[in-house]
Amino acid sequence: MIKVSEIAKKKVIELMNDDGYNPVTDYVRVGVKSGGCSGLSYDLKFDKQQAEGDKVFEDNGVRIIVDKKSFLYLVGTTLEYSGGLNGTGFVFNNPNANRTCGCGESFSL
């Protein structure tokens, strides 16, 4: 399960509408890929379709899809949004990460 904070929900809906996606029927695709200064990095994009093997969640009114491989790394993660002095953007609060980089965009287990 992936959770979505209230602030992240508002930003997701705003961005989906701006990009021509429907927050009621379309998805936020969350994934993990190799790369970044800590070994793995997060991938976040909008998608209109789910693929075979995707895990589907809904939290706080946001529909999320995660591929099977990424799901193992993301169980229990909360998607948050930061608009503070340290930068603006989505932040992954991942309880599975042993180490994260300073920018918060990559992690290791």
N, C-alpha and C. Protein backbone atom coordinates (compact mmCIF):
# COMPACT_ATOMS: atom_id res chain seq x y z
N MET A 1 0.84 -1.18 0.00
CA MET A 1 0.00 0.00 0.00
C MET A 1 0.88 1.24 0.00
N ILE A 2 0.51 2.19 -0.81
CA ILE A 2 1.18 3.48 -0.85
C ILE A 2 0.17 4.53 -0.42
N LYS A 3 0.57 5.39 0.49
CA LYS A 3 -0.32 6.42 1.00
C LYS A 3 0.01 7.76 0.34
N VAL A 4 -0.96 8.66 0.34
CA VAL A 4 -0.80 9.98 -0.25
C VAL A 4 -1.23 11.01 0.78
N SER A 5 -0.33 11.95 1.09
CA SER A 5 -0.68 13.00 2.05
C SER A 5 -1.69 13.96 1.41
N GLU A 6 -2.33 14.74 2.24
CA GLU A 6 -3.34 15.70 1.76
C GLU A 6 -2.72 16.74 0.83
N ILE A 7 -1.54 17.23 1.17
CA ILE A 7 -0.87 18.23 0.33
C ILE A 7 -0.47 17.62 -1.01
N ALA A 8 0.04 16.38 -1.00
CA ALA A 8 0.40 15.70 -2.24
C ALA A 8 -0.83 15.46 -3.10
N LYS A 9 -1.94 15.11 -2.48
CA LYS A 9 -3.20 14.89 -3.22
C LYS A 9 -3.58 16.14 -3.99
N LYS A 10 -3.55 17.29 -3.33
CA LYS A 10 -3.94 18.54 -3.99
C LYS A 10 -3.03 18.85 -5.17
N LYS A 11 -1.72 18.61 -4.99
CA LYS A 11 -0.76 18.89 -6.07
C LYS A 11 -0.92 17.90 -7.22
N VAL A 12 -1.16 16.62 -6.90
CA VAL A 12 -1.37 15.61 -7.95
C VAL A 12 -2.58 15.98 -8.80
N ILE A 13 -3.68 16.33 -8.14
CA ILE A 13 -4.90 16.69 -8.88
C ILE A 13 -4.67 17.91 -9.75
N GLU A 14 -3.99 18.90 -9.21
CA GLU A 14 -3.67 20.11 -9.99
C GLU A 14 -2.83 19.77 -11.22
N LEU A 15 -1.76 18.99 -11.03
CA LEU A 15 -0.87 18.65 -12.14
C LEU A 15 -1.54 17.74 -13.17
N MET A 16 -2.35 16.80 -12.69
CA MET A 16 -3.06 15.93 -13.63
C MET A 16 -4.00 16.74 -14.51
N ASN A 17 -4.74 17.65 -13.90
CA ASN A 17 -5.64 18.51 -14.69
C ASN A 17 -4.85 19.36 -15.68
N ASP A 18 -3.72 19.92 -15.25
CA ASP A 18 -2.89 20.75 -16.14
C ASP A 18 -2.35 19.95 -17.33
N ASP A 19 -2.05 18.65 -17.11
CA ASP A 19 -1.47 17.81 -18.16
C ASP A 19 -2.52 17.04 -18.98
N GLY A 20 -3.80 17.31 -18.74
CA GLY A 20 -4.84 16.66 -19.53
C GLY A 20 -5.25 15.28 -19.02
N TYR A 21 -4.93 14.96 -17.79
CA TYR A 21 -5.33 13.69 -17.20
C TYR A 21 -6.53 13.93 -16.29
N ASN A 22 -7.33 12.89 -16.11
CA ASN A 22 -8.50 12.97 -15.25
C ASN A 22 -8.18 12.28 -13.92
N PRO A 23 -8.12 13.01 -12.82
CA PRO A 23 -7.77 12.42 -11.53
C PRO A 23 -8.76 11.35 -11.05
N VAL A 24 -9.95 11.33 -11.61
CA VAL A 24 -10.96 10.34 -11.21
C VAL A 24 -10.74 9.00 -11.92
N THR A 25 -10.30 9.04 -13.18
CA THR A 25 -10.17 7.81 -13.96
C THR A 25 -8.72 7.41 -14.27
N ASP A 26 -7.79 8.36 -14.24
CA ASP A 26 -6.39 8.08 -14.58
C ASP A 26 -5.56 7.83 -13.32
N TYR A 27 -4.30 7.48 -13.51
CA TYR A 27 -3.45 7.00 -12.42
C TYR A 27 -2.18 7.84 -12.26
N VAL A 28 -1.63 7.73 -11.07
CA VAL A 28 -0.26 8.15 -10.82
C VAL A 28 0.56 6.87 -10.80
N ARG A 29 1.53 6.77 -11.71
CA ARG A 29 2.39 5.58 -11.75
C ARG A 29 3.65 5.89 -10.94
N VAL A 30 3.87 5.07 -9.91
CA VAL A 30 5.04 5.22 -9.05
C VAL A 30 5.93 4.01 -9.27
N GLY A 31 7.22 4.24 -9.45
CA GLY A 31 8.14 3.15 -9.69
C GLY A 31 9.53 3.43 -9.13
N VAL A 32 10.36 2.42 -9.27
CA VAL A 32 11.75 2.50 -8.84
C VAL A 32 12.61 2.06 -10.02
N LYS A 33 13.71 2.78 -10.24
CA LYS A 33 14.64 2.40 -11.30
C LYS A 33 16.06 2.52 -10.79
N SER A 34 16.97 1.84 -11.44
CA SER A 34 18.38 1.93 -11.08
C SER A 34 18.89 3.32 -11.41
N GLY A 35 19.74 3.83 -10.51
CA GLY A 35 20.32 5.15 -10.75
C GLY A 35 20.30 6.01 -9.51
N GLY A 36 20.76 7.20 -9.66
CA GLY A 36 20.82 8.12 -8.53
C GLY A 36 22.08 7.87 -7.71
N CYS A 37 22.39 8.78 -6.83
CA CYS A 37 23.63 8.68 -6.07
C CYS A 37 23.58 7.61 -4.98
N SER A 38 22.39 7.09 -4.66
CA SER A 38 22.30 6.03 -3.65
C SER A 38 21.99 4.66 -4.24
N GLY A 39 21.86 4.56 -5.56
CA GLY A 39 21.67 3.27 -6.21
C GLY A 39 20.32 3.06 -6.85
N LEU A 40 19.25 3.55 -6.23
CA LEU A 40 17.90 3.44 -6.77
C LEU A 40 17.25 4.81 -6.75
N SER A 41 16.42 5.09 -7.74
CA SER A 41 15.73 6.38 -7.75
C SER A 41 14.24 6.16 -7.99
N TYR A 42 13.46 7.12 -7.56
CA TYR A 42 12.01 7.06 -7.70
C TYR A 42 11.60 7.58 -9.07
N ASP A 43 10.52 7.03 -9.59
CA ASP A 43 9.97 7.45 -10.86
C ASP A 43 8.48 7.74 -10.65
N LEU A 44 8.04 8.89 -11.07
CA LEU A 44 6.66 9.30 -10.85
C LEU A 44 6.14 9.92 -12.14
N LYS A 45 5.02 9.41 -12.66
CA LYS A 45 4.42 9.97 -13.86
C LYS A 45 2.93 9.63 -13.87
N PHE A 46 2.20 10.23 -14.80
CA PHE A 46 0.79 9.96 -14.93
C PHE A 46 0.58 8.92 -16.02
N ASP A 47 -0.49 8.15 -15.90
CA ASP A 47 -0.76 7.08 -16.85
C ASP A 47 -2.27 6.89 -16.98
N LYS A 48 -2.71 6.55 -18.16
CA LYS A 48 -4.14 6.32 -18.39
C LYS A 48 -4.51 4.84 -18.28
N GLN A 49 -3.50 3.96 -18.34
CA GLN A 49 -3.78 2.52 -18.34
C GLN A 49 -2.88 1.79 -17.38
N GLN A 50 -3.38 0.69 -16.86
CA GLN A 50 -2.54 -0.18 -16.06
C GLN A 50 -2.07 -1.33 -16.93
N ALA A 51 -0.89 -1.84 -16.63
CA ALA A 51 -0.31 -2.95 -17.38
C ALA A 51 -0.53 -4.25 -16.60
N GLU A 52 -0.36 -5.35 -17.29
CA GLU A 52 -0.50 -6.64 -16.63
C GLU A 52 0.51 -6.76 -15.50
N GLY A 53 0.06 -7.19 -14.35
CA GLY A 53 0.93 -7.35 -13.20
C GLY A 53 1.04 -6.13 -12.31
N ASP A 54 0.47 -4.99 -12.72
CA ASP A 54 0.50 -3.79 -11.89
C ASP A 54 -0.33 -3.99 -10.63
N LYS A 55 0.13 -3.40 -9.55
CA LYS A 55 -0.65 -3.33 -8.31
C LYS A 55 -1.38 -1.99 -8.35
N VAL A 56 -2.66 -2.00 -7.97
CA VAL A 56 -3.48 -0.80 -8.02
C VAL A 56 -3.94 -0.45 -6.61
N PHE A 57 -3.79 0.81 -6.24
CA PHE A 57 -4.18 1.31 -4.93
C PHE A 57 -4.97 2.59 -5.10
N GLU A 58 -5.73 2.91 -4.10
CA GLU A 58 -6.35 4.24 -4.04
C GLU A 58 -6.23 4.71 -2.61
N ASP A 59 -5.66 5.89 -2.44
CA ASP A 59 -5.55 6.48 -1.12
C ASP A 59 -5.83 7.96 -1.22
N ASN A 60 -6.66 8.46 -0.34
CA ASN A 60 -6.96 9.88 -0.27
C ASN A 60 -7.48 10.40 -1.60
N GLY A 61 -8.19 9.55 -2.36
CA GLY A 61 -8.77 9.97 -3.63
C GLY A 61 -7.81 9.95 -4.80
N VAL A 62 -6.60 9.43 -4.62
CA VAL A 62 -5.61 9.35 -5.69
C VAL A 62 -5.43 7.89 -6.09
N ARG A 63 -5.57 7.62 -7.38
CA ARG A 63 -5.40 6.26 -7.91
C ARG A 63 -3.93 6.05 -8.27
N ILE A 64 -3.32 5.01 -7.72
CA ILE A 64 -1.89 4.75 -7.88
C ILE A 64 -1.69 3.38 -8.49
N ILE A 65 -0.77 3.28 -9.45
CA ILE A 65 -0.36 1.97 -9.96
C ILE A 65 1.15 1.83 -9.80
N VAL A 66 1.55 0.61 -9.48
CA VAL A 66 2.96 0.29 -9.25
C VAL A 66 3.24 -1.04 -9.93
N ASP A 67 4.33 -1.12 -10.69
CA ASP A 67 4.70 -2.40 -11.28
C ASP A 67 5.16 -3.36 -10.19
N LYS A 68 5.09 -4.65 -10.49
CA LYS A 68 5.36 -5.69 -9.50
C LYS A 68 6.74 -5.56 -8.86
N LYS A 69 7.75 -5.28 -9.67
CA LYS A 69 9.12 -5.17 -9.17
C LYS A 69 9.28 -3.98 -8.21
N SER A 70 8.75 -2.84 -8.61
CA SER A 70 8.87 -1.63 -7.78
C SER A 70 8.10 -1.76 -6.48
N PHE A 71 7.00 -2.49 -6.51
CA PHE A 71 6.16 -2.63 -5.33
C PHE A 71 6.95 -3.14 -4.13
N LEU A 72 7.87 -4.06 -4.36
CA LEU A 72 8.67 -4.62 -3.27
C LEU A 72 9.48 -3.55 -2.54
N TYR A 73 9.90 -2.53 -3.27
CA TYR A 73 10.70 -1.45 -2.68
C TYR A 73 9.84 -0.36 -2.04
N LEU A 74 8.56 -0.31 -2.42
CA LEU A 74 7.72 0.83 -2.05
C LEU A 74 6.64 0.53 -1.01
N VAL A 75 6.54 -0.70 -0.55
CA VAL A 75 5.50 -1.05 0.42
C VAL A 75 5.61 -0.13 1.64
N GLY A 76 4.51 0.50 2.00
CA GLY A 76 4.48 1.36 3.18
C GLY A 76 4.91 2.79 2.94
N THR A 77 5.24 3.14 1.70
CA THR A 77 5.71 4.48 1.38
C THR A 77 4.56 5.49 1.39
N THR A 78 4.86 6.70 1.81
CA THR A 78 3.90 7.80 1.74
C THR A 78 4.43 8.83 0.76
N LEU A 79 3.58 9.20 -0.19
CA LEU A 79 3.91 10.26 -1.14
C LEU A 79 3.51 11.58 -0.52
N GLU A 80 4.48 12.48 -0.40
CA GLU A 80 4.24 13.78 0.19
C GLU A 80 4.68 14.86 -0.80
N TYR A 81 4.34 16.09 -0.50
CA TYR A 81 4.76 17.20 -1.36
C TYR A 81 5.35 18.29 -0.49
N SER A 82 6.51 18.77 -0.89
CA SER A 82 7.19 19.81 -0.14
C SER A 82 7.25 21.08 -0.98
N GLY A 83 6.85 22.16 -0.39
CA GLY A 83 6.92 23.44 -1.07
C GLY A 83 7.76 24.43 -0.29
N GLY A 84 8.68 23.92 0.50
CA GLY A 84 9.45 24.77 1.41
C GLY A 84 10.72 25.33 0.83
N LEU A 85 11.55 25.86 1.70
CA LEU A 85 12.80 26.50 1.31
C LEU A 85 13.82 25.52 0.76
N ASN A 86 13.72 24.25 1.14
CA ASN A 86 14.68 23.25 0.68
C ASN A 86 14.36 22.74 -0.72
N GLY A 87 13.36 23.28 -1.35
CA GLY A 87 13.00 22.85 -2.69
C GLY A 87 11.53 22.48 -2.77
N THR A 88 11.05 22.45 -3.97
CA THR A 88 9.66 22.14 -4.22
C THR A 88 9.58 20.84 -5.00
N GLY A 89 8.68 19.96 -4.59
CA GLY A 89 8.47 18.73 -5.34
C GLY A 89 7.94 17.62 -4.48
N PHE A 90 7.70 16.49 -5.12
CA PHE A 90 7.19 15.32 -4.42
C PHE A 90 8.31 14.66 -3.64
N VAL A 91 7.97 14.16 -2.47
CA VAL A 91 8.92 13.52 -1.58
C VAL A 91 8.36 12.15 -1.22
N PHE A 92 9.22 11.15 -1.26
CA PHE A 92 8.84 9.79 -0.90
C PHE A 92 9.33 9.50 0.51
N ASN A 93 8.41 9.24 1.41
CA ASN A 93 8.76 8.84 2.77
C ASN A 93 8.69 7.31 2.80
N ASN A 94 9.86 6.69 2.57
CA ASN A 94 9.95 5.24 2.38
C ASN A 94 10.57 4.58 3.61
N PRO A 95 9.78 3.81 4.37
CA PRO A 95 10.32 3.15 5.57
C PRO A 95 11.30 2.02 5.25
N ASN A 96 11.36 1.59 3.99
CA ASN A 96 12.26 0.51 3.58
C ASN A 96 13.66 0.99 3.25
N ALA A 97 13.82 2.30 3.05
CA ALA A 97 15.12 2.85 2.64
C ALA A 97 16.06 2.93 3.84
N ASN A 98 17.24 2.32 3.70
CA ASN A 98 18.26 2.40 4.74
C ASN A 98 19.06 3.68 4.63
N ARG A 99 19.20 4.18 3.40
CA ARG A 99 20.01 5.37 3.16
C ARG A 99 19.37 6.16 2.02
N THR A 100 19.32 7.47 2.16
CA THR A 100 18.83 8.32 1.09
C THR A 100 19.89 9.38 0.79
N CYS A 101 19.82 9.92 -0.40
CA CYS A 101 20.79 10.98 -0.75
C CYS A 101 20.26 12.32 -0.25
N GLY A 102 21.08 13.32 -0.32
CA GLY A 102 20.71 14.64 0.17
C GLY A 102 19.54 15.25 -0.56
N CYS A 103 19.37 14.94 -1.83
CA CYS A 103 18.27 15.53 -2.61
C CYS A 103 16.96 14.77 -2.38
N GLY A 104 17.02 13.58 -1.79
CA GLY A 104 15.81 12.81 -1.51
C GLY A 104 15.22 12.09 -2.70
N GLU A 105 15.93 12.10 -3.82
CA GLU A 105 15.42 11.46 -5.03
C GLU A 105 15.93 10.05 -5.24
N SER A 106 16.90 9.62 -4.43
CA SER A 106 17.39 8.25 -4.57
C SER A 106 17.60 7.65 -3.19
N PHE A 107 17.69 6.31 -3.17
CA PHE A 107 17.80 5.60 -1.90
C PHE A 107 18.47 4.25 -2.12
N SER A 108 18.79 3.59 -1.03
CA SER A 108 19.30 2.21 -1.08
C SER A 108 18.64 1.45 0.04
N LEU A 109 18.65 0.14 -0.11
CA LEU A 109 18.04 -0.74 0.90
C LEU A 109 19.10 -1.39 1.75
